[in-house]
Amino acid sequence: MKNKLFFTIIKFALLILGVATLIPMFAIDINSVDALLYCVYGYIGIAVLVLLVMAVANMGKSGGGMHLGLIVGGVIAVVAVVSYFVLASTSSVTLADGSVITDELVLKGTDTMLYTSYAAFALLVLVMVFGEIRNSFK
């Protein structure tokens, strides 16, 4: 029961942080790319911290196979993000107001976040479909 309450609180906190992160995206000027990036960087950092805390909290409760799976999953995630960063384009982007973004780190960072989001969404859909198919055969 204690774990269930802990995870419910974590989910509620992430929901509030997610909504709080989205509010500045609609409140500030759309051409303010830096402010939007800082909001996204902050949310990604918070999500990674919560993920690490939850993983450490569950380490003592599960068998050794879970630890290996967590390590392998973490290594795969790091390799994927690094490869997305290497593959990201540095071509300049023209915004709607005519200004041009030429900062290579900003361009690579936004492309990396987009590629990571696409991959995470595709993986989420695959896991959901696989889970539904597996549950239908039980």
N, C-alpha and C. Protein backbone atom coordinates (compact mmCIF):
# COMPACT_ATOMS: atom_id res chain seq x y z
N MET A 1 0.82 -1.19 0.00
CA MET A 1 0.00 0.00 0.00
C MET A 1 0.86 1.25 0.00
N LYS A 2 1.99 1.19 0.70
CA LYS A 2 2.88 2.33 0.79
C LYS A 2 3.44 2.69 -0.59
N ASN A 3 3.83 1.69 -1.38
CA ASN A 3 4.35 1.94 -2.72
C ASN A 3 3.29 2.55 -3.63
N LYS A 4 2.06 2.08 -3.51
CA LYS A 4 0.99 2.58 -4.35
C LYS A 4 0.76 4.07 -4.09
N LEU A 5 0.78 4.46 -2.84
CA LEU A 5 0.63 5.87 -2.50
C LEU A 5 1.81 6.69 -3.03
N PHE A 6 3.02 6.14 -2.91
CA PHE A 6 4.22 6.82 -3.40
C PHE A 6 4.13 7.06 -4.90
N PHE A 7 3.75 6.04 -5.66
CA PHE A 7 3.66 6.18 -7.10
C PHE A 7 2.50 7.10 -7.51
N THR A 8 1.43 7.10 -6.76
CA THR A 8 0.33 8.01 -7.04
C THR A 8 0.77 9.45 -6.82
N ILE A 9 1.51 9.70 -5.77
CA ILE A 9 2.02 11.05 -5.52
C ILE A 9 2.99 11.47 -6.62
N ILE A 10 3.87 10.56 -7.03
CA ILE A 10 4.84 10.88 -8.11
C ILE A 10 4.10 11.18 -9.41
N LYS A 11 3.09 10.38 -9.75
CA LYS A 11 2.32 10.63 -10.98
C LYS A 11 1.60 11.97 -10.92
N PHE A 12 1.03 12.28 -9.78
CA PHE A 12 0.33 13.56 -9.62
C PHE A 12 1.31 14.72 -9.73
N ALA A 13 2.49 14.58 -9.11
CA ALA A 13 3.51 15.63 -9.20
C ALA A 13 3.98 15.82 -10.64
N LEU A 14 4.16 14.73 -11.37
CA LEU A 14 4.57 14.84 -12.78
C LEU A 14 3.48 15.50 -13.62
N LEU A 15 2.23 15.19 -13.33
CA LEU A 15 1.14 15.83 -14.05
C LEU A 15 1.13 17.33 -13.81
N ILE A 16 1.30 17.73 -12.58
CA ILE A 16 1.32 19.17 -12.26
C ILE A 16 2.53 19.84 -12.90
N LEU A 17 3.68 19.20 -12.84
CA LEU A 17 4.88 19.77 -13.47
C LEU A 17 4.71 19.86 -14.98
N GLY A 18 4.07 18.86 -15.58
CA GLY A 18 3.84 18.90 -17.02
C GLY A 18 2.94 20.05 -17.42
N VAL A 19 1.87 20.24 -16.68
CA VAL A 19 0.97 21.36 -16.97
C VAL A 19 1.68 22.68 -16.72
N ALA A 20 2.44 22.76 -15.63
CA ALA A 20 3.16 23.98 -15.31
C ALA A 20 4.21 24.29 -16.37
N THR A 21 4.76 23.27 -16.99
CA THR A 21 5.74 23.48 -18.05
C THR A 21 5.07 23.95 -19.33
N LEU A 22 3.86 23.49 -19.59
CA LEU A 22 3.17 23.88 -20.81
C LEU A 22 2.64 25.32 -20.76
N ILE A 23 2.34 25.81 -19.57
CA ILE A 23 1.78 27.16 -19.46
C ILE A 23 2.72 28.22 -20.05
N PRO A 24 4.02 28.22 -19.72
CA PRO A 24 4.89 29.24 -20.33
C PRO A 24 4.98 29.12 -21.85
N MET A 25 4.79 27.92 -22.37
CA MET A 25 4.87 27.75 -23.82
C MET A 25 3.76 28.51 -24.54
N PHE A 26 2.62 28.66 -23.89
CA PHE A 26 1.52 29.41 -24.49
C PHE A 26 1.52 30.87 -24.08
N ALA A 27 2.20 31.19 -22.98
CA ALA A 27 2.17 32.55 -22.46
C ALA A 27 3.25 33.44 -23.06
N ILE A 28 4.35 32.84 -23.56
CA ILE A 28 5.43 33.66 -24.08
C ILE A 28 5.36 33.72 -25.59
N ASP A 29 6.11 34.61 -26.15
CA ASP A 29 6.16 34.80 -27.59
C ASP A 29 6.71 33.54 -28.25
N ILE A 30 6.04 33.08 -29.31
CA ILE A 30 6.44 31.84 -29.98
C ILE A 30 7.83 31.95 -30.60
N ASN A 31 8.28 33.16 -30.88
CA ASN A 31 9.60 33.34 -31.47
C ASN A 31 10.71 33.30 -30.43
N SER A 32 10.35 33.20 -29.17
CA SER A 32 11.35 33.12 -28.11
C SER A 32 11.76 31.66 -27.94
N VAL A 33 12.60 31.20 -28.84
CA VAL A 33 13.00 29.80 -28.87
C VAL A 33 13.76 29.42 -27.60
N ASP A 34 14.60 30.32 -27.10
CA ASP A 34 15.39 30.00 -25.91
C ASP A 34 14.51 29.69 -24.71
N ALA A 35 13.47 30.49 -24.48
CA ALA A 35 12.59 30.26 -23.34
C ALA A 35 11.87 28.91 -23.48
N LEU A 36 11.43 28.58 -24.69
CA LEU A 36 10.77 27.29 -24.91
C LEU A 36 11.73 26.13 -24.66
N LEU A 37 12.97 26.29 -25.12
CA LEU A 37 13.95 25.23 -24.91
C LEU A 37 14.25 25.04 -23.43
N TYR A 38 14.34 26.14 -22.67
CA TYR A 38 14.60 26.02 -21.24
C TYR A 38 13.46 25.30 -20.54
N CYS A 39 12.22 25.56 -20.96
CA CYS A 39 11.07 24.85 -20.38
C CYS A 39 11.17 23.36 -20.67
N VAL A 40 11.50 23.02 -21.90
CA VAL A 40 11.59 21.60 -22.27
C VAL A 40 12.77 20.94 -21.58
N TYR A 41 13.92 21.62 -21.52
CA TYR A 41 15.08 21.06 -20.82
C TYR A 41 14.75 20.81 -19.35
N GLY A 42 14.07 21.75 -18.73
CA GLY A 42 13.69 21.59 -17.33
C GLY A 42 12.77 20.40 -17.12
N TYR A 43 11.80 20.24 -18.00
CA TYR A 43 10.87 19.13 -17.86
C TYR A 43 11.57 17.79 -18.10
N ILE A 44 12.45 17.74 -19.07
CA ILE A 44 13.20 16.50 -19.32
C ILE A 44 14.08 16.17 -18.12
N GLY A 45 14.73 17.18 -17.55
CA GLY A 45 15.56 16.96 -16.36
C GLY A 45 14.75 16.45 -15.19
N ILE A 46 13.58 17.03 -14.96
CA ILE A 46 12.71 16.58 -13.87
C ILE A 46 12.25 15.14 -14.12
N ALA A 47 11.88 14.82 -15.36
CA ALA A 47 11.43 13.47 -15.68
C ALA A 47 12.55 12.45 -15.45
N VAL A 48 13.78 12.79 -15.84
CA VAL A 48 14.90 11.88 -15.63
C VAL A 48 15.17 11.69 -14.14
N LEU A 49 15.11 12.77 -13.37
CA LEU A 49 15.31 12.65 -11.92
C LEU A 49 14.26 11.76 -11.28
N VAL A 50 13.01 11.96 -11.65
CA VAL A 50 11.94 11.14 -11.08
C VAL A 50 12.12 9.68 -11.49
N LEU A 51 12.52 9.45 -12.73
CA LEU A 51 12.77 8.09 -13.19
C LEU A 51 13.87 7.43 -12.37
N LEU A 52 14.95 8.16 -12.12
CA LEU A 52 16.05 7.60 -11.33
C LEU A 52 15.62 7.33 -9.89
N VAL A 53 14.87 8.25 -9.30
CA VAL A 53 14.40 8.04 -7.93
C VAL A 53 13.50 6.82 -7.85
N MET A 54 12.59 6.67 -8.81
CA MET A 54 11.69 5.52 -8.81
C MET A 54 12.47 4.22 -9.03
N ALA A 55 13.47 4.25 -9.89
CA ALA A 55 14.27 3.05 -10.14
C ALA A 55 15.04 2.65 -8.90
N VAL A 56 15.64 3.61 -8.21
CA VAL A 56 16.39 3.31 -7.00
C VAL A 56 15.45 2.82 -5.90
N ALA A 57 14.26 3.40 -5.83
CA ALA A 57 13.30 2.97 -4.81
C ALA A 57 12.84 1.54 -5.02
N ASN A 58 12.81 1.10 -6.27
CA ASN A 58 12.36 -0.27 -6.56
C ASN A 58 13.48 -1.28 -6.64
N MET A 59 14.74 -0.86 -6.58
CA MET A 59 15.86 -1.78 -6.73
C MET A 59 15.87 -2.86 -5.65
N GLY A 60 15.60 -2.51 -4.42
CA GLY A 60 15.65 -3.48 -3.33
C GLY A 60 14.47 -4.42 -3.32
N LYS A 61 13.43 -4.12 -4.06
CA LYS A 61 12.20 -4.93 -4.02
C LYS A 61 12.12 -5.99 -5.11
N SER A 62 12.98 -5.91 -6.09
CA SER A 62 12.88 -6.86 -7.21
C SER A 62 14.12 -7.74 -7.28
N GLY A 63 14.02 -8.76 -8.14
CA GLY A 63 15.13 -9.68 -8.30
C GLY A 63 16.26 -9.09 -9.10
N GLY A 64 17.31 -9.87 -9.28
CA GLY A 64 18.50 -9.41 -10.00
C GLY A 64 18.26 -9.15 -11.47
N GLY A 65 17.29 -9.84 -12.08
CA GLY A 65 17.02 -9.63 -13.50
C GLY A 65 16.52 -8.23 -13.79
N MET A 66 15.82 -7.67 -12.84
CA MET A 66 15.31 -6.31 -13.01
C MET A 66 16.46 -5.31 -13.06
N HIS A 67 17.47 -5.52 -12.25
CA HIS A 67 18.63 -4.62 -12.23
C HIS A 67 19.34 -4.65 -13.58
N LEU A 68 19.53 -5.83 -14.11
CA LEU A 68 20.19 -5.97 -15.40
C LEU A 68 19.36 -5.31 -16.49
N GLY A 69 18.04 -5.50 -16.46
CA GLY A 69 17.16 -4.88 -17.44
C GLY A 69 17.20 -3.37 -17.35
N LEU A 70 17.27 -2.84 -16.14
CA LEU A 70 17.35 -1.39 -15.94
C LEU A 70 18.65 -0.84 -16.49
N ILE A 71 19.73 -1.53 -16.25
CA ILE A 71 21.04 -1.08 -16.75
C ILE A 71 21.07 -1.14 -18.27
N VAL A 72 20.60 -2.24 -18.84
CA VAL A 72 20.59 -2.38 -20.31
C VAL A 72 19.69 -1.33 -20.94
N GLY A 73 18.50 -1.11 -20.36
CA GLY A 73 17.60 -0.09 -20.87
C GLY A 73 18.20 1.30 -20.80
N GLY A 74 18.90 1.60 -19.71
CA GLY A 74 19.57 2.89 -19.58
C GLY A 74 20.67 3.09 -20.60
N VAL A 75 21.46 2.04 -20.83
CA VAL A 75 22.54 2.12 -21.83
C VAL A 75 21.96 2.31 -23.22
N ILE A 76 20.89 1.58 -23.54
CA ILE A 76 20.25 1.72 -24.85
C ILE A 76 19.71 3.14 -25.03
N ALA A 77 19.11 3.70 -23.98
CA ALA A 77 18.58 5.06 -24.06
C ALA A 77 19.69 6.08 -24.28
N VAL A 78 20.80 5.93 -23.57
CA VAL A 78 21.93 6.86 -23.75
C VAL A 78 22.50 6.75 -25.15
N VAL A 79 22.69 5.52 -25.63
CA VAL A 79 23.21 5.32 -26.99
C VAL A 79 22.26 5.92 -28.03
N ALA A 80 20.95 5.74 -27.82
CA ALA A 80 19.97 6.30 -28.76
C ALA A 80 20.04 7.82 -28.79
N VAL A 81 20.08 8.46 -27.62
CA VAL A 81 20.12 9.92 -27.60
C VAL A 81 21.42 10.45 -28.20
N VAL A 82 22.54 9.80 -27.91
CA VAL A 82 23.81 10.24 -28.50
C VAL A 82 23.78 10.06 -30.02
N SER A 83 23.23 8.95 -30.50
CA SER A 83 23.16 8.76 -31.95
C SER A 83 22.21 9.75 -32.59
N TYR A 84 21.10 10.10 -31.91
CA TYR A 84 20.21 11.14 -32.44
C TYR A 84 20.92 12.48 -32.51
N PHE A 85 21.75 12.77 -31.52
CA PHE A 85 22.49 14.04 -31.52
C PHE A 85 23.48 14.07 -32.68
N VAL A 86 24.15 12.94 -32.94
CA VAL A 86 25.12 12.89 -34.04
C VAL A 86 24.41 13.02 -35.38
N LEU A 87 23.23 12.41 -35.51
CA LEU A 87 22.48 12.45 -36.77
C LEU A 87 21.74 13.77 -36.99
N ALA A 88 21.60 14.58 -35.96
CA ALA A 88 20.82 15.81 -36.05
C ALA A 88 21.45 16.79 -37.04
N SER A 89 20.58 17.52 -37.70
CA SER A 89 21.00 18.47 -38.72
C SER A 89 21.42 19.79 -38.09
N THR A 90 22.34 20.49 -38.75
CA THR A 90 22.73 21.83 -38.31
C THR A 90 22.34 22.88 -39.35
N SER A 91 21.41 22.53 -40.23
CA SER A 91 20.94 23.48 -41.22
C SER A 91 20.17 24.60 -40.53
N SER A 92 20.39 25.83 -40.97
CA SER A 92 19.71 26.96 -40.35
C SER A 92 18.21 26.89 -40.60
N VAL A 93 17.45 27.43 -39.64
CA VAL A 93 15.99 27.40 -39.69
C VAL A 93 15.47 28.83 -39.71
N THR A 94 14.57 29.12 -40.64
CA THR A 94 13.95 30.44 -40.71
C THR A 94 12.60 30.38 -40.00
N LEU A 95 12.41 31.27 -39.03
CA LEU A 95 11.16 31.32 -38.28
C LEU A 95 10.11 32.11 -39.05
N ALA A 96 8.90 32.11 -38.54
CA ALA A 96 7.78 32.78 -39.22
C ALA A 96 8.00 34.28 -39.34
N ASP A 97 8.72 34.88 -38.39
CA ASP A 97 8.94 36.33 -38.46
C ASP A 97 10.12 36.71 -39.33
N GLY A 98 10.77 35.73 -39.94
CA GLY A 98 11.88 35.99 -40.84
C GLY A 98 13.24 35.86 -40.20
N SER A 99 13.31 35.76 -38.87
CA SER A 99 14.61 35.60 -38.22
C SER A 99 15.13 34.18 -38.46
N VAL A 100 16.44 34.08 -38.46
CA VAL A 100 17.08 32.80 -38.78
C VAL A 100 17.85 32.31 -37.56
N ILE A 101 17.66 31.03 -37.25
CA ILE A 101 18.41 30.40 -36.15
C ILE A 101 19.58 29.66 -36.76
N THR A 102 20.79 30.05 -36.35
CA THR A 102 22.00 29.43 -36.90
C THR A 102 22.86 28.77 -35.83
N ASP A 103 22.48 28.89 -34.55
CA ASP A 103 23.25 28.30 -33.47
C ASP A 103 23.18 26.77 -33.59
N GLU A 104 24.34 26.16 -33.81
CA GLU A 104 24.37 24.71 -34.06
C GLU A 104 23.92 23.89 -32.86
N LEU A 105 24.24 24.34 -31.64
CA LEU A 105 23.83 23.58 -30.46
C LEU A 105 22.31 23.61 -30.29
N VAL A 106 21.69 24.75 -30.55
CA VAL A 106 20.23 24.84 -30.46
C VAL A 106 19.59 23.97 -31.53
N LEU A 107 20.12 24.01 -32.74
CA LEU A 107 19.55 23.21 -33.83
C LEU A 107 19.70 21.72 -33.56
N LYS A 108 20.89 21.31 -33.12
CA LYS A 108 21.11 19.89 -32.80
C LYS A 108 20.26 19.47 -31.61
N GLY A 109 20.15 20.34 -30.60
CA GLY A 109 19.36 20.01 -29.41
C GLY A 109 17.89 19.82 -29.73
N THR A 110 17.33 20.71 -30.54
CA THR A 110 15.91 20.57 -30.88
C THR A 110 15.67 19.35 -31.75
N ASP A 111 16.55 19.09 -32.69
CA ASP A 111 16.40 17.88 -33.51
C ASP A 111 16.52 16.62 -32.66
N THR A 112 17.47 16.62 -31.74
CA THR A 112 17.63 15.46 -30.86
C THR A 112 16.38 15.23 -30.03
N MET A 113 15.81 16.31 -29.48
CA MET A 113 14.58 16.15 -28.69
C MET A 113 13.43 15.64 -29.56
N LEU A 114 13.35 16.14 -30.79
CA LEU A 114 12.29 15.66 -31.68
C LEU A 114 12.47 14.18 -32.00
N TYR A 115 13.68 13.77 -32.36
CA TYR A 115 13.93 12.37 -32.68
C TYR A 115 13.65 11.48 -31.47
N THR A 116 14.07 11.94 -30.28
CA THR A 116 13.83 11.16 -29.06
C THR A 116 12.34 11.04 -28.79
N SER A 117 11.60 12.13 -28.99
CA SER A 117 10.15 12.10 -28.79
C SER A 117 9.48 11.15 -29.76
N TYR A 118 9.89 11.20 -31.02
CA TYR A 118 9.31 10.29 -32.02
C TYR A 118 9.59 8.83 -31.66
N ALA A 119 10.83 8.54 -31.27
CA ALA A 119 11.19 7.17 -30.92
C ALA A 119 10.43 6.71 -29.68
N ALA A 120 10.31 7.58 -28.68
CA ALA A 120 9.58 7.22 -27.46
C ALA A 120 8.11 6.97 -27.77
N PHE A 121 7.52 7.79 -28.62
CA PHE A 121 6.11 7.60 -28.99
C PHE A 121 5.92 6.28 -29.74
N ALA A 122 6.82 6.00 -30.69
CA ALA A 122 6.72 4.74 -31.44
C ALA A 122 6.88 3.54 -30.51
N LEU A 123 7.82 3.63 -29.58
CA LEU A 123 8.03 2.54 -28.62
C LEU A 123 6.81 2.38 -27.72
N LEU A 124 6.22 3.49 -27.30
CA LEU A 124 5.02 3.44 -26.47
C LEU A 124 3.88 2.75 -27.19
N VAL A 125 3.68 3.08 -28.46
CA VAL A 125 2.61 2.45 -29.24
C VAL A 125 2.87 0.95 -29.38
N LEU A 126 4.12 0.58 -29.67
CA LEU A 126 4.46 -0.84 -29.80
C LEU A 126 4.23 -1.60 -28.50
N VAL A 127 4.63 -1.00 -27.38
CA VAL A 127 4.45 -1.66 -26.09
C VAL A 127 2.97 -1.80 -25.77
N MET A 128 2.18 -0.77 -26.06
CA MET A 128 0.74 -0.85 -25.81
C MET A 128 0.09 -1.93 -26.65
N VAL A 129 0.43 -2.00 -27.93
CA VAL A 129 -0.14 -3.02 -28.81
C VAL A 129 0.30 -4.41 -28.35
N PHE A 130 1.58 -4.57 -28.04
CA PHE A 130 2.08 -5.86 -27.58
C PHE A 130 1.38 -6.27 -26.28
N GLY A 131 1.20 -5.32 -25.35
CA GLY A 131 0.54 -5.61 -24.09
C GLY A 131 -0.91 -6.03 -24.28
N GLU A 132 -1.61 -5.36 -25.18
CA GLU A 132 -3.00 -5.73 -25.45
C GLU A 132 -3.10 -7.11 -26.10
N ILE A 133 -2.20 -7.38 -27.02
CA ILE A 133 -2.22 -8.70 -27.67
C ILE A 133 -1.89 -9.78 -26.64
N ARG A 134 -0.89 -9.55 -25.80
CA ARG A 134 -0.51 -10.53 -24.78
C ARG A 134 -1.64 -10.74 -23.77
N ASN A 135 -2.30 -9.67 -23.37
CA ASN A 135 -3.40 -9.81 -22.41
C ASN A 135 -4.62 -10.50 -23.02
N SER A 136 -4.80 -10.38 -24.32
CA SER A 136 -5.95 -11.03 -24.93
C SER A 136 -5.78 -12.56 -24.98
N PHE A 137 -4.55 -13.05 -24.94
CA PHE A 137 -4.31 -14.48 -24.97
C PHE A 137 -4.27 -15.11 -23.58
N LYS A 138 -4.35 -14.31 -22.54
CA LYS A 138 -4.32 -14.85 -21.17
C LYS A 138 -5.66 -15.33 -20.73
